[in-house]
Amino acid sequence: MKIKAIRCPRCKDVIYSRARHDYRCCGCGLIGVDGGFDYWKINIKEWIEFDIIDLEVNATKKELYRDWNEGINKYGIVKAKKED
């Protein structure tokens, strides 16, 4: 399924919220998102341009909710790959 996500311009992590009260931050803490599929709230510590992207996630809404609700944390953040 497609998920609306944000790519942090500083640390390059891609984050998205899996459920209504699932607040997620990128690795450097610059950007956070909340609201899941009910609403979309963005928190930014300092104004900086960022990318909103459509991310393909191999999970259903039910699986994403369970991932958040049970603390599994398999989904919700895509860590940037370290460059050599």
C-alpha atoms as a PDB file:
ATOM      1  CA  MET A   1       0.000   0.000   0.000  1.00  0.00           C
ATOM      2  CA  LYS A   2       1.084   3.585  -0.532  1.00  0.00           C
ATOM      3  CA  ILE A   3       1.845   5.691   2.545  1.00  0.00           C
ATOM      4  CA  LYS A   4       2.462   9.444   2.743  1.00  0.00           C
ATOM      5  CA  ALA A   5       5.920   9.902   4.274  1.00  0.00           C
ATOM      6  CA  ILE A   6       8.577  12.559   4.862  1.00  0.00           C
ATOM      7  CA  ARG A   7      12.267  12.389   4.010  1.00  0.00           C
ATOM      8  CA  CYS A   8      14.402  14.353   6.473  1.00  0.00           C
ATOM      9  CA  PRO A   9      16.773  16.666   4.574  1.00  0.00           C
ATOM     10  CA  ARG A  10      19.401  16.365   7.304  1.00  0.00           C
ATOM     11  CA  CYS A  11      19.664  12.642   8.187  1.00  0.00           C
ATOM     12  CA  LYS A  12      17.777  11.319   5.098  1.00  0.00           C
ATOM     13  CA  ASP A  13      15.535   8.986   7.163  1.00  0.00           C
ATOM     14  CA  VAL A  14      12.026   8.444   5.783  1.00  0.00           C
ATOM     15  CA  ILE A  15       9.312   8.492   8.452  1.00  0.00           C
ATOM     16  CA  TYR A  16       5.569   7.912   8.549  1.00  0.00           C
ATOM     17  CA  SER A  17       2.903   7.397  11.189  1.00  0.00           C
ATOM     18  CA  ARG A  18       1.224   3.976  11.410  1.00  0.00           C
ATOM     19  CA  ALA A  19      -1.708   4.870  13.697  1.00  0.00           C
ATOM     20  CA  ARG A  20      -3.634   7.829  15.141  1.00  0.00           C
ATOM     21  CA  HIS A  21      -1.276   8.335  18.120  1.00  0.00           C
ATOM     22  CA  ASP A  22       1.912   6.975  16.551  1.00  0.00           C
ATOM     23  CA  TYR A  23       4.380   9.864  16.775  1.00  0.00           C
ATOM     24  CA  ARG A  24       7.546   9.100  14.820  1.00  0.00           C
ATOM     25  CA  CYS A  25      10.776  11.142  14.615  1.00  0.00           C
ATOM     26  CA  CYS A  26      13.654  10.868  12.216  1.00  0.00           C
ATOM     27  CA  GLY A  27      17.054   9.801  13.553  1.00  0.00           C
ATOM     28  CA  CYS A  28      18.357  13.337  14.062  1.00  0.00           C
ATOM     29  CA  GLY A  29      15.105  14.557  15.665  1.00  0.00           C
ATOM     30  CA  LEU A  30      14.512  17.392  13.195  1.00  0.00           C
ATOM     31  CA  ILE A  31      11.149  16.186  11.866  1.00  0.00           C
ATOM     32  CA  GLY A  32       8.293  14.180  13.370  1.00  0.00           C
ATOM     33  CA  VAL A  33       4.923  12.962  12.091  1.00  0.00           C
ATOM     34  CA  ASP A  34       1.738  11.874  13.817  1.00  0.00           C
ATOM     35  CA  GLY A  35      -1.826  10.850  13.005  1.00  0.00           C
ATOM     36  CA  GLY A  36      -1.605   7.684  10.960  1.00  0.00           C
ATOM     37  CA  PHE A  37      -4.494   7.496   8.507  1.00  0.00           C
ATOM     38  CA  ASP A  38      -6.849   9.725  10.558  1.00  0.00           C
ATOM     39  CA  TYR A  39      -4.973  13.025  10.183  1.00  0.00           C
ATOM     40  CA  TRP A  40      -1.452  14.125   9.290  1.00  0.00           C
ATOM     41  CA  LYS A  41       0.540  16.374  11.611  1.00  0.00           C
ATOM     42  CA  ILE A  42       4.141  17.413  10.982  1.00  0.00           C
ATOM     43  CA  ASN A  43       6.461  18.718  13.690  1.00  0.00           C
ATOM     44  CA  ILE A  44       9.640  20.539  12.621  1.00  0.00           C
ATOM     45  CA  LYS A  45      12.224  21.832  15.112  1.00  0.00           C
ATOM     46  CA  GLU A  46      13.541  24.458  12.675  1.00  0.00           C
ATOM     47  CA  TRP A  47      12.129  25.438   9.326  1.00  0.00           C
ATOM     48  CA  ILE A  48      13.840  23.603   6.521  1.00  0.00           C
ATOM     49  CA  GLU A  49      12.515  22.341   3.203  1.00  0.00           C
ATOM     50  CA  PHE A  50      11.678  18.644   3.203  1.00  0.00           C
ATOM     51  CA  ASP A  51      10.252  16.130   0.758  1.00  0.00           C
ATOM     52  CA  ILE A  52       6.824  14.550   1.106  1.00  0.00           C
ATOM     53  CA  ILE A  53       6.904  11.245  -0.726  1.00  0.00           C
ATOM     54  CA  ASP A  54       4.605   8.337  -1.537  1.00  0.00           C
ATOM     55  CA  LEU A  55       6.226   5.269  -0.017  1.00  0.00           C
ATOM     56  CA  GLU A  56       5.242   1.734  -0.989  1.00  0.00           C
ATOM     57  CA  VAL A  57       4.943  -0.393   2.172  1.00  0.00           C
ATOM     58  CA  ASN A  58       4.390  -4.132   2.024  1.00  0.00           C
ATOM     59  CA  ALA A  59       1.753  -4.178   4.788  1.00  0.00           C
ATOM     60  CA  THR A  60      -1.964  -3.594   5.299  1.00  0.00           C
ATOM     61  CA  LYS A  61      -3.461  -0.891   7.552  1.00  0.00           C
ATOM     62  CA  LYS A  62      -4.275  -3.639  10.051  1.00  0.00           C
ATOM     63  CA  GLU A  63      -0.667  -4.875  10.064  1.00  0.00           C
ATOM     64  CA  LEU A  64       0.669  -1.324  10.497  1.00  0.00           C
ATOM     65  CA  TYR A  65      -1.696  -0.710  13.431  1.00  0.00           C
ATOM     66  CA  ARG A  66      -0.668  -3.990  15.073  1.00  0.00           C
ATOM     67  CA  ASP A  67       2.999  -3.089  14.535  1.00  0.00           C
ATOM     68  CA  TRP A  68       2.484   0.159  16.478  1.00  0.00           C
ATOM     69  CA  ASN A  69      -0.022  -1.095  19.069  1.00  0.00           C
ATOM     70  CA  GLU A  70       2.018  -4.160  20.101  1.00  0.00           C
ATOM     71  CA  GLY A  71       5.380  -2.359  19.986  1.00  0.00           C
ATOM     72  CA  ILE A  72       6.801  -4.596  17.265  1.00  0.00           C
ATOM     73  CA  ASN A  73       8.291  -1.599  15.389  1.00  0.00           C
ATOM     74  CA  LYS A  74       9.056  -3.379  12.138  1.00  0.00           C
ATOM     75  CA  TYR A  75       7.528  -0.456  10.202  1.00  0.00           C
ATOM     76  CA  GLY A  76       7.363   3.350  10.604  1.00  0.00           C
ATOM     77  CA  ILE A  77      10.882   4.447   9.765  1.00  0.00           C
ATOM     78  CA  VAL A  78      13.190   3.715   6.867  1.00  0.00           C
ATOM     79  CA  LYS A  79      16.719   4.456   8.041  1.00  0.00           C
ATOM     80  CA  ALA A  80      19.029   6.152   5.587  1.00  0.00           C
ATOM     81  CA  LYS A  81      21.807   3.943   4.290  1.00  0.00           C
ATOM     82  CA  LYS A  82      25.269   4.906   5.520  1.00  0.00           C
ATOM     83  CA  GLU A  83      27.540   6.065   2.751  1.00  0.00           C
ATOM     84  CA  ASP A  84      31.180   5.014   2.764  1.00  0.00           C
END
